[in-house]
Amino acid sequence: MLTIVSVSAFALFIYKFFRSIYFMDEVQIKHQMEAFVLAFALGLLLLMTLGLIDLYLDLNPQDWNYRFLVPIFILFYFIGLFIAKRKYNFEDEKFN
C-alpha cells in the first residue's frame, strides 16, 4: 500500500510539473527540456555503468542501492538546468 501511495504521489508531481510547462515561455521550456534530456541521458549512463561493473565485480548492495541513486538523478537534473541556463544567458549580450 505504501508503494502505491508513493508512486501515485510521484506520478501526480510529474503530471503537475509537465502541465506547468505550458505556462512558461519558449526559453523556460528549452531550459526544462534540456535539463530533463541531460539528466535522463546521464542517469542511463550511470545505470549502464553500474550494471556492467556489477557483472565483473560484486558491488556492495549497502553502498549501491536504488535509494542512493535517486539523489544522484536529482543532481543530474540540476546540473542540466545549470548548463541550459548558461547556454541561453542573454544578460551578457550588448544591444546597439
Protein backbone atom coordinates (compact mmCIF):
# COMPACT_ATOMS: atom_id res chain seq x y z
CA MET A 1 0.00 0.00 0.00
CA LEU A 2 2.86 2.37 0.83
CA THR A 3 4.40 1.73 -2.59
CA ILE A 4 1.14 2.54 -4.36
CA VAL A 5 0.77 5.81 -2.43
CA SER A 6 4.38 6.81 -3.12
CA VAL A 7 4.20 6.01 -6.83
CA SER A 8 0.85 7.79 -7.15
CA ALA A 9 2.18 10.92 -5.43
CA PHE A 10 5.24 10.96 -7.67
CA ALA A 11 3.12 10.43 -10.80
CA LEU A 12 0.91 13.34 -9.72
CA PHE A 13 4.01 15.51 -9.22
CA ILE A 14 5.29 14.67 -12.70
CA TYR A 15 1.88 15.38 -14.21
CA LYS A 16 1.60 18.76 -12.46
CA PHE A 17 5.16 19.66 -13.41
CA PHE A 18 4.59 18.93 -17.10
CA ARG A 19 1.29 20.82 -17.00
CA SER A 20 3.12 23.84 -15.56
CA ILE A 21 5.43 23.83 -18.60
CA TYR A 22 2.50 25.03 -20.74
CA PHE A 23 2.53 28.34 -18.85
CA MET A 24 6.22 29.01 -19.50
CA ASP A 25 7.73 30.96 -22.35
CA GLU A 26 9.89 29.31 -25.01
CA VAL A 27 13.22 29.89 -23.30
CA GLN A 28 12.00 28.47 -19.99
CA ILE A 29 10.63 25.42 -21.83
CA LYS A 30 14.01 24.93 -23.51
CA HIS A 31 15.72 25.15 -20.10
CA GLN A 32 13.48 22.48 -18.60
CA MET A 33 13.58 20.12 -21.57
CA GLU A 34 17.35 20.30 -21.94
CA ALA A 35 17.75 19.68 -18.21
CA PHE A 36 15.47 16.63 -18.45
CA VAL A 37 17.26 15.28 -21.50
CA LEU A 38 20.68 15.65 -19.90
CA ALA A 39 19.50 14.14 -16.60
CA PHE A 40 17.90 11.19 -18.40
CA ALA A 41 21.00 10.54 -20.50
CA LEU A 42 23.34 10.77 -17.51
CA GLY A 43 21.01 8.56 -15.47
CA LEU A 44 21.01 5.88 -18.17
CA LEU A 45 24.79 6.14 -18.43
CA LEU A 46 25.11 5.69 -14.66
CA LEU A 47 22.77 2.68 -14.60
CA MET A 48 24.53 1.08 -17.57
CA THR A 49 27.94 1.65 -15.99
CA LEU A 50 26.86 0.20 -12.64
CA GLY A 51 25.26 -2.77 -14.39
CA LEU A 52 28.40 -3.52 -16.37
CA ILE A 53 30.63 -3.09 -13.33
CA ASP A 54 28.33 -5.42 -11.38
CA LEU A 55 28.94 -8.13 -13.99
CA TYR A 56 32.65 -8.23 -13.16
CA LEU A 57 32.75 -7.04 -9.55
CA ASP A 58 30.34 -7.73 -6.74
CA LEU A 59 29.15 -4.26 -5.73
CA ASN A 60 28.12 -3.94 -2.11
CA PRO A 61 24.31 -3.54 -2.00
CA GLN A 62 24.67 -1.34 1.08
CA ASP A 63 26.67 1.20 -0.94
CA TRP A 64 24.92 0.97 -4.34
CA ASN A 65 21.22 0.70 -3.61
CA TYR A 66 18.43 2.34 -5.62
CA ARG A 67 17.67 4.79 -2.82
CA PHE A 68 21.20 6.17 -3.20
CA LEU A 69 20.73 6.64 -6.95
CA VAL A 70 17.66 8.89 -6.70
CA PRO A 71 19.61 11.87 -5.23
CA ILE A 72 22.20 11.40 -7.97
CA PHE A 73 19.43 11.65 -10.60
CA ILE A 74 18.18 14.84 -8.96
CA LEU A 75 21.73 16.17 -9.03
CA PHE A 76 21.92 15.33 -12.75
CA TYR A 77 18.74 17.38 -13.32
CA PHE A 78 20.18 20.43 -11.55
CA ILE A 79 23.45 20.07 -13.47
CA GLY A 80 21.43 20.04 -16.71
CA LEU A 81 19.43 23.06 -15.56
CA PHE A 82 22.64 24.94 -14.78
CA ILE A 83 24.12 24.12 -18.19
CA ALA A 84 20.91 25.10 -20.01
CA LYS A 85 20.63 28.41 -18.16
CA ARG A 86 24.23 29.27 -19.02
CA LYS A 87 23.61 28.29 -22.63
CA TYR A 88 20.65 30.68 -23.02
CA ASN A 89 22.00 33.51 -20.86
CA PHE A 90 21.23 36.77 -22.66
CA GLU A 91 22.33 39.14 -19.89
CA ASP A 92 25.90 39.44 -21.17
CA GLU A 93 24.93 40.44 -24.70
CA LYS A 94 25.11 44.07 -25.74
CA PHE A 95 22.46 45.56 -27.96
CA ASN A 96 23.04 48.72 -30.01
